[in-house]
Amino acid sequence: MNLRRTRYLLGALLSWGASACHGMEGPTPPEECSDCTGVPGLVRAFDRGTPSFQVQPRAGFGGLKLRRASGRTFVLETTRDAEGRDTRRLTVSSRDGTRLWAFDAAAGDHLSDFTVHPSGDVTLGVERTGAAAEAYDLVRLSAEGQVLSRQPLPTPATVPEADLGGTLPSPAFRMKSPWVHALTDGWLRTEARGEDVAVAFLSLVAVPEDAPTTQELVSGLMTLQWADGRYSEQWTRIVDGRHSTQPAAWAYDEFRWREASLRPLLAVDAEGRLVVGRTWNSSRCMASSRTFNDFTAVHCRSGEDVTTPSDTERQPFAVTAFTPVGTRIGTHVFVPARAAEFVVFDMAVRGGEVALAGTVVTEGGDGTIAWYPSAPGVQDQMTPYDGYLGVLSLDSGALRFEHRVDTGRADHFSALRWTDAGLVAVGAAGWDRWSGGMSISRGAGALLTLASTDGLTVRTRRAGPEAPDRHTHLLGVDADGDSLVAVGLADAPMTHSGDGGHAEAMTFGGLTVELR
């Protein structure tokens, strides 16, 4: 019996429990944590708490991103109706769940991301999808939900000439995304810098009006100062120059996998250092080689940590750090050893390190993969995805620790937060993907994980309903003190749910999970 089959048979017994203070993932009776006095409250919640959940039926709003600040919970939500129309909103609630206010997307607006400032103000990144260029806006909302400002993201005026690399026009950015849909983050990422803001964005390359349409992309990082009721540019840098990365073509919406090859991620650490993360491929590598000499052209064509722009299964991950004043520190690329497949869905930075969360398929020492059956005795092969957590040095790129979470079938993490108690990651568990393609044949359940900062202890919990014919999974999380709250989708589509024009099957409901 192979290792993965053994894990499959044990998975149902393992997935509902929590580990002791000294244990690894899996169930441990609460009494084994009787000596855990003085440990962070979130650890006690994983060891002794019972996850509670609420489900909103489809078609309804599902959660994409969540932040807790000043006793409030901020959630970016999306919905899609039976005709395929989708819309978004930002909701703000008190700790007891009372809705305080909401900001609804206007027709043609795509709410891409948000961040909360120390004052309680919120900055939203918005794309006007009908605009051909200059389509990105920043909306500033007060703590009470009043619109303080709405303005276009400025056309960058401070990009160093060296960043253009002789291959980009000036301005380089068309400030327009290639596409968006109901579950796409969009290509603006926002992070507060006090009352100021940083924005990472992925844009089509600016071209003259009479030039042929191009789908080439360029990514940038801009910081903006908030003063006198508006934002003004401080500095802008090119992150990756002209490249041709495209979204995965095979996926529908499950787990937001489709956008992973394009999506930029952004984080700001306590010292003000800014970190941009994204999937790494030969096109982006060559852009970096031409402009910043980070890599050789030979490495970009043949390196083990580089993939093709069309590879949707094995996606090395790159992080580029900048000082608070915009000096480019450097780029590090990472892919786990023996990773047959690898995708990063979220990252977090703290103390000079970057944590990654995603999924991985690992080859054995002999190069084989431990496929597992969909059921005991069945002669099919399911792909052994494990939820992946790793922590790297921002200075050297060296891996400090990594952990693979396996609850018996396929697992992955969609969202990550770095807390005083450790790394909190949420996502999906219990699904099956056939080894011969990307079709998912069994639905997911929600997965919660807490990994100690030293990587020695990893606790997992399952929460919410199990629905093998549909997905129920988590896409956003935050934690404070002794509790966490996570949001995602319930009764969501699997691969081929919309085949035959059945748009109603592509709808979903909402899932909220709390653990305290």
Protein backbone atom coordinates (compact mmCIF):
# COMPACT_ATOMS: atom_id res chain seq x y z
CA MET A 1 0.00 0.00 0.00
CA ASN A 2 1.56 3.33 -1.01
CA LEU A 3 1.96 6.26 1.34
CA ARG A 4 -0.79 8.33 -0.18
CA ARG A 5 -3.32 5.46 0.02
CA THR A 6 -2.43 5.02 3.69
CA ARG A 7 -3.00 8.73 4.19
CA TYR A 8 -6.31 8.46 2.36
CA LEU A 9 -7.55 5.71 4.67
CA LEU A 10 -6.52 7.68 7.75
CA GLY A 11 -7.57 11.07 6.47
CA ALA A 12 -11.18 10.96 7.62
CA LEU A 13 -10.02 10.17 11.14
CA LEU A 14 -7.40 12.91 11.15
CA SER A 15 -9.14 15.85 9.59
CA TRP A 16 -11.55 16.94 12.33
CA GLY A 17 -9.17 17.22 15.25
CA ALA A 18 -6.58 19.61 16.55
CA SER A 19 -3.11 18.80 17.80
CA ALA A 20 -1.72 19.23 21.27
CA CYS A 21 0.68 22.03 22.12
CA HIS A 22 3.60 19.87 21.10
CA GLY A 23 1.97 17.96 18.26
CA MET A 24 1.65 18.02 14.50
CA GLU A 25 -1.51 18.26 12.42
CA GLY A 26 -4.26 15.82 13.32
CA PRO A 27 -6.58 15.14 16.24
CA THR A 28 -5.53 15.26 19.86
CA PRO A 29 -7.97 15.17 22.77
CA PRO A 30 -8.21 18.54 24.53
CA GLU A 31 -7.01 17.11 27.82
CA GLU A 32 -3.55 16.61 26.31
CA CYS A 33 -3.27 20.40 26.22
CA SER A 34 -3.90 20.78 29.94
CA ASP A 35 -0.39 22.19 30.40
CA CYS A 36 -0.89 24.93 27.82
CA THR A 37 -1.52 27.79 30.27
CA GLY A 38 0.25 30.92 29.14
CA VAL A 39 0.29 30.02 25.46
CA PRO A 40 -1.21 32.49 22.95
CA GLY A 41 -5.01 32.48 22.92
CA LEU A 42 -5.11 31.46 19.28
CA VAL A 43 -3.24 28.27 20.15
CA ARG A 44 -5.85 27.47 22.79
CA ALA A 45 -8.57 28.16 20.23
CA PHE A 46 -7.09 25.60 17.84
CA ASP A 47 -6.58 23.09 20.63
CA ARG A 48 -9.86 23.49 22.49
CA GLY A 49 -12.20 25.71 20.50
CA THR A 50 -15.01 24.56 18.28
CA PRO A 51 -15.29 26.28 14.91
CA SER A 52 -18.67 27.89 14.28
CA PHE A 53 -19.87 28.72 10.81
CA GLN A 54 -22.62 30.47 8.90
CA VAL A 55 -23.65 29.68 5.34
CA GLN A 56 -25.48 32.00 2.95
CA PRO A 57 -27.27 30.11 0.17
CA ARG A 58 -26.56 30.71 -3.49
CA ALA A 59 -26.84 32.92 -5.33
CA GLY A 60 -25.44 35.18 -2.62
CA PHE A 61 -22.36 37.07 -1.54
CA GLY A 62 -19.19 35.12 -0.78
CA GLY A 63 -16.13 36.56 0.97
CA LEU A 64 -12.83 37.17 -0.84
CA LYS A 65 -10.73 39.12 1.66
CA LEU A 66 -11.12 39.95 5.34
CA ARG A 67 -9.40 42.29 7.76
CA ARG A 68 -10.04 43.03 11.43
CA ALA A 69 -9.11 46.48 12.78
CA SER A 70 -10.28 48.70 15.65
CA GLY A 71 -12.92 46.20 16.70
CA ARG A 72 -14.40 46.01 13.23
CA THR A 73 -14.45 43.36 10.51
CA PHE A 74 -14.00 44.47 6.89
CA VAL A 75 -14.92 42.01 4.13
CA LEU A 76 -14.64 42.31 0.37
CA GLU A 77 -17.51 40.26 -1.06
CA THR A 78 -18.65 39.13 -4.49
CA THR A 79 -21.73 37.52 -5.97
CA ARG A 80 -22.80 36.12 -9.34
CA ASP A 81 -26.41 35.61 -10.36
CA ALA A 82 -27.97 32.92 -12.56
CA GLU A 83 -27.46 35.10 -15.65
CA GLY A 84 -23.74 35.34 -14.99
CA ARG A 85 -23.78 38.97 -13.78
CA ASP A 86 -21.47 39.69 -10.88
CA THR A 87 -21.02 42.56 -8.46
CA ARG A 88 -18.97 43.40 -5.40
CA ARG A 89 -19.21 45.26 -2.15
CA LEU A 90 -17.19 46.09 0.95
CA THR A 91 -19.03 45.42 4.20
CA VAL A 92 -18.03 46.64 7.66
CA SER A 93 -19.39 45.02 10.83
CA SER A 94 -18.90 45.33 14.56
CA ARG A 95 -17.43 42.48 16.55
CA ASP A 96 -20.90 41.12 17.35
CA GLY A 97 -21.73 40.91 13.64
CA THR A 98 -23.90 44.03 13.40
CA ARG A 99 -23.62 45.58 9.93
CA LEU A 100 -22.32 49.15 10.27
CA TRP A 101 -22.11 50.16 6.62
CA ALA A 102 -21.40 48.88 3.14
CA PHE A 103 -19.89 50.29 -0.04
CA ASP A 104 -21.48 48.78 -3.15
CA ALA A 105 -19.69 48.71 -6.49
CA ALA A 106 -21.31 50.92 -9.11
CA ALA A 107 -22.11 49.50 -12.54
CA GLY A 108 -18.87 48.94 -14.43
CA ASP A 109 -16.69 49.14 -11.30
CA HIS A 110 -14.57 46.22 -10.13
CA LEU A 111 -13.46 46.45 -6.49
CA SER A 112 -10.00 44.93 -6.69
CA ASP A 113 -8.59 45.22 -3.16
CA PHE A 114 -8.78 47.27 0.03
CA THR A 115 -6.65 48.25 2.99
CA VAL A 116 -7.47 49.74 6.41
CA HIS A 117 -5.51 52.70 7.81
CA PRO A 118 -4.77 53.37 11.52
CA SER A 119 -7.45 56.08 11.53
CA GLY A 120 -10.08 53.55 10.45
CA ASP A 121 -10.25 55.02 6.94
CA VAL A 122 -10.27 52.54 4.06
CA THR A 123 -8.62 52.75 0.65
CA LEU A 124 -10.25 50.76 -2.15
CA GLY A 125 -8.57 49.92 -5.44
CA VAL A 126 -11.19 50.10 -8.21
CA GLU A 127 -11.04 49.38 -11.93
CA ARG A 128 -13.53 51.00 -14.31
CA THR A 129 -13.90 48.02 -16.61
CA GLY A 130 -15.37 50.02 -19.50
CA ALA A 131 -12.38 52.35 -19.77
CA ALA A 132 -9.79 51.63 -22.45
CA ALA A 133 -6.98 53.27 -20.44
CA GLU A 134 -6.38 55.16 -17.18
CA ALA A 135 -8.95 52.81 -15.66
CA TYR A 136 -7.58 52.49 -12.11
CA ASP A 137 -9.10 54.57 -9.29
CA LEU A 138 -8.42 54.92 -5.58
CA VAL A 139 -11.44 55.49 -3.34
CA ARG A 140 -10.88 56.77 0.21
CA LEU A 141 -13.67 56.02 2.70
CA SER A 142 -13.97 57.37 6.22
CA ALA A 143 -14.38 55.10 9.23
CA GLU A 144 -18.10 55.81 8.94
CA GLY A 145 -18.24 54.85 5.25
CA GLN A 146 -18.36 58.34 3.73
CA VAL A 147 -16.53 58.85 0.43
CA LEU A 148 -13.68 61.24 1.16
CA SER A 149 -12.06 61.06 -2.27
CA ARG A 150 -12.21 59.22 -5.57
CA GLN A 151 -9.42 59.86 -8.04
CA PRO A 152 -7.58 58.05 -10.83
CA LEU A 153 -4.36 56.36 -9.84
CA PRO A 154 -1.88 58.96 -11.11
CA THR A 155 -0.05 58.32 -14.35
CA PRO A 156 3.44 57.64 -12.94
CA ALA A 157 5.73 60.64 -13.24
CA THR A 158 8.68 59.43 -11.15
CA VAL A 159 9.70 56.16 -12.86
CA PRO A 160 13.51 56.12 -13.18
CA GLU A 161 14.69 56.10 -16.78
CA ALA A 162 16.74 52.99 -16.05
CA ASP A 163 13.55 51.10 -15.13
CA LEU A 164 12.23 51.50 -18.66
CA GLY A 165 15.16 49.45 -19.94
CA GLY A 166 14.92 50.79 -23.47
CA THR A 167 11.98 48.48 -24.20
CA LEU A 168 9.12 50.39 -22.58
CA PRO A 169 7.50 53.65 -23.64
CA SER A 170 7.17 56.52 -21.19
CA PRO A 171 4.66 56.36 -19.65
CA ALA A 172 4.93 52.58 -19.56
CA PHE A 173 1.52 51.81 -18.09
CA ARG A 174 -1.79 51.88 -19.89
CA MET A 175 -3.42 51.58 -16.43
CA LYS A 176 -5.79 48.94 -17.74
CA SER A 177 -6.14 45.25 -16.86
CA PRO A 178 -6.45 42.44 -19.41
CA TRP A 179 -9.65 40.98 -17.92
CA VAL A 180 -11.64 40.52 -14.72
CA HIS A 181 -14.45 38.20 -13.60
CA ALA A 182 -16.48 37.43 -10.50
CA LEU A 183 -13.73 35.84 -8.41
CA THR A 184 -10.71 37.68 -9.78
CA ASP A 185 -8.85 39.87 -7.33
CA GLY A 186 -8.12 42.27 -10.12
CA TRP A 187 -4.70 43.71 -10.66
CA LEU A 188 -4.50 46.48 -8.04
CA ARG A 189 -3.16 45.52 -4.63
CA THR A 190 -3.28 48.07 -1.81
CA GLU A 191 -1.43 48.19 1.51
CA ALA A 192 -1.55 50.97 4.09
CA ARG A 193 1.63 52.83 5.05
CA GLY A 194 0.12 54.64 8.02
CA GLU A 195 -2.40 57.01 6.44
CA ASP A 196 -0.53 56.78 3.13
CA VAL A 197 -0.84 53.84 0.75
CA ALA A 198 1.22 51.58 -1.49
CA VAL A 199 -0.25 50.11 -4.67
CA ALA A 200 1.09 47.22 -6.76
CA PHE A 201 -0.53 46.94 -10.16
CA LEU A 202 -0.42 44.85 -13.32
CA SER A 203 -1.20 46.81 -16.47
CA LEU A 204 -1.28 46.44 -20.19
CA VAL A 205 1.67 48.20 -21.78
CA ALA A 206 0.90 51.71 -22.98
CA VAL A 207 0.87 51.93 -26.79
CA PRO A 208 -0.03 54.73 -29.20
CA GLU A 209 -3.71 54.89 -30.15
CA ASP A 210 -2.98 53.85 -33.74
CA ALA A 211 -0.75 50.92 -32.75
CA PRO A 212 -1.96 47.30 -32.94
CA THR A 213 -3.65 46.01 -29.81
CA THR A 214 -1.18 44.29 -27.52
CA GLN A 215 -1.70 41.98 -24.56
CA GLU A 216 1.81 42.52 -23.26
CA LEU A 217 1.94 43.41 -19.58
CA VAL A 218 4.08 45.45 -17.21
CA SER A 219 3.87 45.59 -13.41
CA GLY A 220 4.62 48.48 -11.12
CA LEU A 221 4.77 49.62 -7.50
CA MET A 222 3.66 53.11 -6.46
CA THR A 223 3.52 54.84 -3.09
CA LEU A 224 1.13 57.73 -2.52
CA GLN A 225 0.78 60.33 0.20
CA TRP A 226 -2.63 61.25 1.64
CA ALA A 227 -2.88 64.98 2.30
CA ASP A 228 -5.47 67.71 1.81
CA GLY A 229 -8.15 65.21 0.85
CA ARG A 230 -6.35 63.52 -2.03
CA TYR A 231 -3.50 61.16 -2.96
CA SER A 232 -0.31 62.30 -4.65
CA GLU A 233 2.47 60.14 -6.06
CA GLN A 234 5.62 59.78 -3.99
CA TRP A 235 7.58 57.33 -6.13
CA THR A 236 6.98 54.57 -8.68
CA ARG A 237 9.15 51.67 -9.77
CA ILE A 238 8.84 49.06 -12.50
CA VAL A 239 8.63 45.60 -10.90
CA ASP A 240 8.65 43.50 -14.09
CA GLY A 241 9.02 45.04 -17.53
CA ARG A 242 7.34 44.03 -20.77
CA HIS A 243 6.18 40.41 -20.56
CA SER A 244 3.46 38.14 -21.93
CA THR A 245 2.10 36.08 -19.04
CA GLN A 246 -1.47 34.92 -19.58
CA PRO A 247 -4.10 33.41 -17.24
CA ALA A 248 -4.67 29.68 -17.05
CA ALA A 249 -7.13 28.65 -19.73
CA TRP A 250 -8.34 25.36 -18.28
CA ALA A 251 -9.90 26.46 -15.00
CA TYR A 252 -13.30 27.83 -14.14
CA ASP A 253 -13.40 29.42 -10.69
CA GLU A 254 -12.39 26.75 -8.25
CA PHE A 255 -10.00 28.14 -5.67
CA ARG A 256 -9.19 31.20 -7.86
CA TRP A 257 -6.47 29.15 -9.53
CA ARG A 258 -7.09 30.76 -12.92
CA GLU A 259 -5.59 34.10 -11.94
CA ALA A 260 -2.62 32.82 -9.93
CA SER A 261 -0.16 33.07 -12.82
CA LEU A 262 -0.80 36.81 -13.19
CA ARG A 263 -1.82 38.18 -9.79
CA PRO A 264 0.63 40.47 -7.97
CA LEU A 265 0.79 40.23 -4.18
CA LEU A 266 1.90 43.12 -1.96
CA ALA A 267 3.02 43.40 1.66
CA VAL A 268 4.62 46.11 3.82
CA ASP A 269 6.67 45.13 6.87
CA ALA A 270 6.98 46.98 10.16
CA GLU A 271 10.13 48.78 8.99
CA GLY A 272 8.37 50.08 5.87
CA ARG A 273 10.03 47.70 3.42
CA LEU A 274 7.72 46.83 0.53
CA VAL A 275 7.56 43.35 -1.00
CA VAL A 276 5.91 42.42 -4.30
CA GLY A 277 5.33 38.72 -5.00
CA ARG A 278 4.18 37.01 -8.19
CA THR A 279 4.46 33.82 -10.19
CA TRP A 280 7.78 33.60 -12.00
CA ASN A 281 8.23 32.48 -15.59
CA SER A 282 10.66 32.86 -18.48
CA SER A 283 8.89 35.95 -19.83
CA ARG A 284 9.06 37.83 -16.54
CA CYS A 285 12.59 36.56 -15.93
CA MET A 286 13.76 37.88 -19.30
CA ALA A 287 12.15 41.25 -18.56
CA SER A 288 14.05 41.39 -15.27
CA SER A 289 17.25 40.27 -16.98
CA ARG A 290 17.03 42.99 -19.64
CA THR A 291 16.29 45.80 -17.23
CA PHE A 292 17.83 44.95 -13.88
CA ASN A 293 20.43 42.25 -14.69
CA ASP A 294 19.02 40.11 -11.87
CA PHE A 295 19.32 36.94 -13.95
CA THR A 296 21.12 35.82 -17.07
CA ALA A 297 19.23 35.08 -20.27
CA VAL A 298 20.52 31.50 -20.12
CA HIS A 299 19.06 31.06 -16.63
CA CYS A 300 15.74 32.50 -17.75
CA ARG A 301 15.53 29.89 -20.51
CA SER A 302 16.67 26.82 -18.59
CA GLY A 303 16.75 27.43 -14.83
CA GLU A 304 15.01 24.98 -12.50
CA ASP A 305 13.23 27.90 -10.83
CA VAL A 306 11.78 29.25 -14.08
CA THR A 307 8.75 28.00 -15.98
CA THR A 308 7.07 28.85 -19.26
CA PRO A 309 4.39 31.58 -19.32
CA SER A 310 1.78 28.94 -20.18
CA ASP A 311 2.64 26.51 -17.35
CA THR A 312 -0.35 26.47 -15.02
CA GLU A 313 0.72 23.68 -12.69
CA ARG A 314 4.30 24.40 -11.63
CA GLN A 315 4.66 28.10 -10.90
CA PRO A 316 7.86 29.23 -9.14
CA PHE A 317 7.32 32.29 -6.98
CA ALA A 318 9.40 35.49 -6.98
CA VAL A 319 9.59 38.25 -4.38
CA THR A 320 11.16 41.65 -4.98
CA ALA A 321 11.81 43.96 -2.04
CA PHE A 322 12.06 47.76 -2.04
CA THR A 323 13.18 50.18 0.66
CA PRO A 324 10.63 52.69 2.01
CA VAL A 325 12.00 55.30 -0.42
CA GLY A 326 11.85 53.01 -3.46
CA THR A 327 15.34 51.59 -3.79
CA ARG A 328 15.15 48.16 -5.38
CA ILE A 329 16.78 45.65 -3.03
CA GLY A 330 16.62 42.55 -5.21
CA THR A 331 14.61 39.56 -6.37
CA HIS A 332 14.59 36.01 -5.01
CA VAL A 333 12.84 33.08 -6.70
CA PHE A 334 11.62 30.00 -4.89
CA VAL A 335 10.15 26.61 -5.73
CA PRO A 336 10.22 23.68 -3.26
CA ALA A 337 12.57 20.80 -3.88
CA ARG A 338 11.02 17.98 -5.93
CA ALA A 339 7.89 20.01 -6.64
CA ALA A 340 6.04 18.46 -9.56
CA GLU A 341 3.38 21.16 -9.11
CA PHE A 342 3.46 24.32 -7.01
CA VAL A 343 1.29 27.43 -6.75
CA VAL A 344 1.45 30.27 -4.21
CA PHE A 345 -1.85 31.97 -3.41
CA ASP A 346 -0.83 34.38 -0.62
CA MET A 347 2.15 35.75 1.26
CA ALA A 348 2.94 37.73 4.43
CA VAL A 349 6.09 39.49 5.67
CA ARG A 350 7.49 39.94 9.14
CA GLY A 351 10.92 40.42 10.71
CA GLY A 352 12.89 40.25 7.47
CA GLU A 353 11.14 37.12 6.26
CA VAL A 354 8.37 36.29 3.81
CA ALA A 355 5.88 33.48 4.41
CA LEU A 356 4.22 31.71 1.49
CA ALA A 357 0.99 29.73 1.40
CA GLY A 358 -0.27 27.59 -1.45
CA THR A 359 -0.25 24.01 -2.65
CA VAL A 360 2.34 21.51 -3.81
CA VAL A 361 2.63 18.07 -5.39
CA THR A 362 5.89 16.48 -4.29
CA GLU A 363 7.87 13.83 -6.14
CA GLY A 364 9.42 11.00 -4.17
CA GLY A 365 13.14 10.43 -4.04
CA ASP A 366 12.88 8.23 -7.12
CA GLY A 367 10.94 10.85 -9.07
CA THR A 368 7.56 9.14 -8.75
CA ILE A 369 4.32 10.69 -7.47
CA ALA A 370 2.23 8.91 -4.81
CA TRP A 371 -1.11 9.02 -6.62
CA TYR A 372 -4.05 7.93 -4.49
CA PRO A 373 -7.41 6.36 -5.42
CA SER A 374 -10.71 8.20 -5.22
CA ALA A 375 -11.98 5.34 -3.03
CA PRO A 376 -10.45 2.14 -1.64
CA GLY A 377 -10.03 -0.45 -4.36
CA VAL A 378 -10.76 1.94 -7.23
CA GLN A 379 -8.17 1.84 -9.98
CA ASP A 380 -7.99 5.56 -10.70
CA GLN A 381 -5.32 8.11 -9.79
CA MET A 382 -5.94 11.35 -7.92
CA THR A 383 -3.26 14.04 -7.62
CA PRO A 384 -1.71 14.34 -4.13
CA TYR A 385 -1.87 18.08 -3.46
CA ASP A 386 -0.70 19.16 -0.01
CA GLY A 387 -1.27 22.55 1.56
CA TYR A 388 2.09 24.30 1.52
CA LEU A 389 3.63 26.72 4.04
CA GLY A 390 7.16 28.07 3.76
CA VAL A 391 9.19 30.90 5.31
CA LEU A 392 12.09 32.51 3.41
CA SER A 393 14.68 35.16 4.21
CA LEU A 394 14.06 38.40 2.31
CA ASP A 395 17.81 39.10 2.32
CA SER A 396 19.11 35.77 1.02
CA GLY A 397 16.06 33.88 -0.20
CA ALA A 398 17.08 30.94 2.01
CA LEU A 399 14.30 28.65 3.22
CA ARG A 400 14.01 28.61 7.02
CA PHE A 401 11.24 26.05 7.25
CA GLU A 402 8.49 24.50 5.19
CA HIS A 403 5.55 22.28 5.98
CA ARG A 404 3.10 20.25 3.92
CA VAL A 405 -0.39 19.75 5.31
CA ASP A 406 -2.07 16.53 4.19
CA THR A 407 -5.53 15.68 5.51
CA GLY A 408 -6.02 12.64 3.27
CA ARG A 409 -7.07 13.97 -0.13
CA ALA A 410 -6.07 17.22 -1.86
CA ASP A 411 -5.40 20.35 0.22
CA HIS A 412 -4.40 23.93 -0.44
CA PHE A 413 -4.17 27.32 1.24
CA SER A 414 -5.72 30.45 -0.25
CA ALA A 415 -5.02 33.08 2.44
CA LEU A 416 -2.34 33.72 5.05
CA ARG A 417 -1.83 36.01 8.05
CA TRP A 418 1.25 36.27 10.28
CA THR A 419 0.19 36.62 13.91
CA ASP A 420 2.01 36.58 17.25
CA ALA A 421 0.87 32.97 17.64
CA GLY A 422 2.28 31.97 14.25
CA LEU A 423 1.08 31.61 10.68
CA VAL A 424 -2.68 31.32 10.19
CA ALA A 425 -3.64 29.83 6.82
CA VAL A 426 -7.02 28.87 5.42
CA GLY A 427 -8.18 27.19 2.25
CA ALA A 428 -9.70 23.92 1.13
CA ALA A 429 -9.33 20.23 1.88
CA GLY A 430 -10.84 16.95 0.80
CA TRP A 431 -11.11 17.47 -2.96
CA ASP A 432 -9.91 15.19 -5.76
CA ARG A 433 -8.25 16.09 -9.03
CA TRP A 434 -7.75 13.48 -11.69
CA SER A 435 -4.09 12.89 -12.53
CA GLY A 436 -4.64 13.16 -16.27
CA GLY A 437 -5.94 16.73 -16.36
CA MET A 438 -7.21 19.62 -14.30
CA SER A 439 -10.73 18.30 -13.76
CA ILE A 440 -11.84 18.22 -10.13
CA SER A 441 -14.17 15.33 -9.39
CA ARG A 442 -14.90 15.77 -5.69
CA GLY A 443 -15.72 18.97 -3.81
CA ALA A 444 -13.79 20.61 -1.00
CA GLY A 445 -14.41 21.51 2.62
CA ALA A 446 -12.95 24.41 4.59
CA LEU A 447 -9.48 24.06 6.13
CA LEU A 448 -7.93 26.08 9.01
CA THR A 449 -4.25 25.82 9.99
CA LEU A 450 -1.99 27.41 12.61
CA ALA A 451 1.77 26.91 12.25
CA SER A 452 4.10 28.04 15.00
CA THR A 453 6.65 30.62 13.89
CA ASP A 454 9.48 28.14 14.39
CA GLY A 455 7.71 25.64 12.16
CA LEU A 456 7.80 22.84 14.71
CA THR A 457 4.08 22.68 15.47
CA VAL A 458 1.27 22.75 12.91
CA ARG A 459 -2.38 22.45 13.93
CA THR A 460 -5.26 21.87 11.51
CA ARG A 461 -9.00 22.06 11.85
CA ARG A 462 -11.88 21.44 9.47
CA ALA A 463 -15.03 23.55 9.58
CA GLY A 464 -18.31 24.01 7.78
CA PRO A 465 -20.41 21.59 5.76
CA GLU A 466 -18.98 18.82 3.60
CA ALA A 467 -20.50 18.73 0.11
CA PRO A 468 -18.63 16.37 -2.23
CA ASP A 469 -20.57 17.56 -5.28
CA ARG A 470 -19.69 21.26 -4.76
CA HIS A 471 -16.97 23.33 -3.10
CA THR A 472 -17.09 24.94 0.33
CA HIS A 473 -13.81 26.70 1.00
CA LEU A 474 -12.11 29.75 2.52
CA LEU A 475 -10.49 32.66 0.68
CA GLY A 476 -9.79 35.27 3.36
CA VAL A 477 -8.73 35.27 7.03
CA ASP A 478 -7.63 37.50 9.86
CA ALA A 479 -6.92 36.89 13.53
CA ASP A 480 -6.53 38.95 16.65
CA GLY A 481 -6.08 37.98 20.27
CA ASP A 482 -7.62 34.59 20.86
CA SER A 483 -9.85 34.20 17.79
CA LEU A 484 -9.88 34.14 14.04
CA VAL A 485 -12.54 34.73 11.44
CA ALA A 486 -12.42 33.51 7.85
CA VAL A 487 -14.64 33.96 4.81
CA GLY A 488 -15.11 32.15 1.54
CA LEU A 489 -17.64 30.41 -0.66
CA ALA A 490 -20.29 27.78 0.03
CA ASP A 491 -21.92 25.47 -2.49
CA ALA A 492 -19.51 26.82 -5.10
CA PRO A 493 -18.88 25.45 -8.60
CA MET A 494 -16.45 22.69 -9.50
CA THR A 495 -14.85 22.08 -12.86
CA HIS A 496 -17.45 21.75 -15.65
CA SER A 497 -20.28 23.03 -13.45
CA GLY A 498 -21.13 25.54 -16.15
CA ASP A 499 -20.80 23.27 -19.18
CA GLY A 500 -23.80 23.37 -21.45
CA GLY A 501 -24.57 27.01 -20.68
CA HIS A 502 -25.94 26.35 -17.21
CA ALA A 503 -24.93 29.66 -15.68
CA GLU A 504 -27.00 28.95 -12.58
CA ALA A 505 -24.59 26.15 -11.70
CA MET A 506 -21.76 28.71 -11.58
CA THR A 507 -23.37 30.63 -8.72
CA PHE A 508 -22.28 30.28 -5.11
CA GLY A 509 -23.17 31.25 -1.57
CA GLY A 510 -21.14 32.61 1.30
CA LEU A 511 -19.25 30.96 4.16
CA THR A 512 -18.08 32.57 7.41
CA VAL A 513 -16.07 30.57 9.96
CA GLU A 514 -15.03 31.71 13.42
CA LEU A 515 -12.73 29.93 15.86
CA ARG A 516 -12.24 31.18 19.39
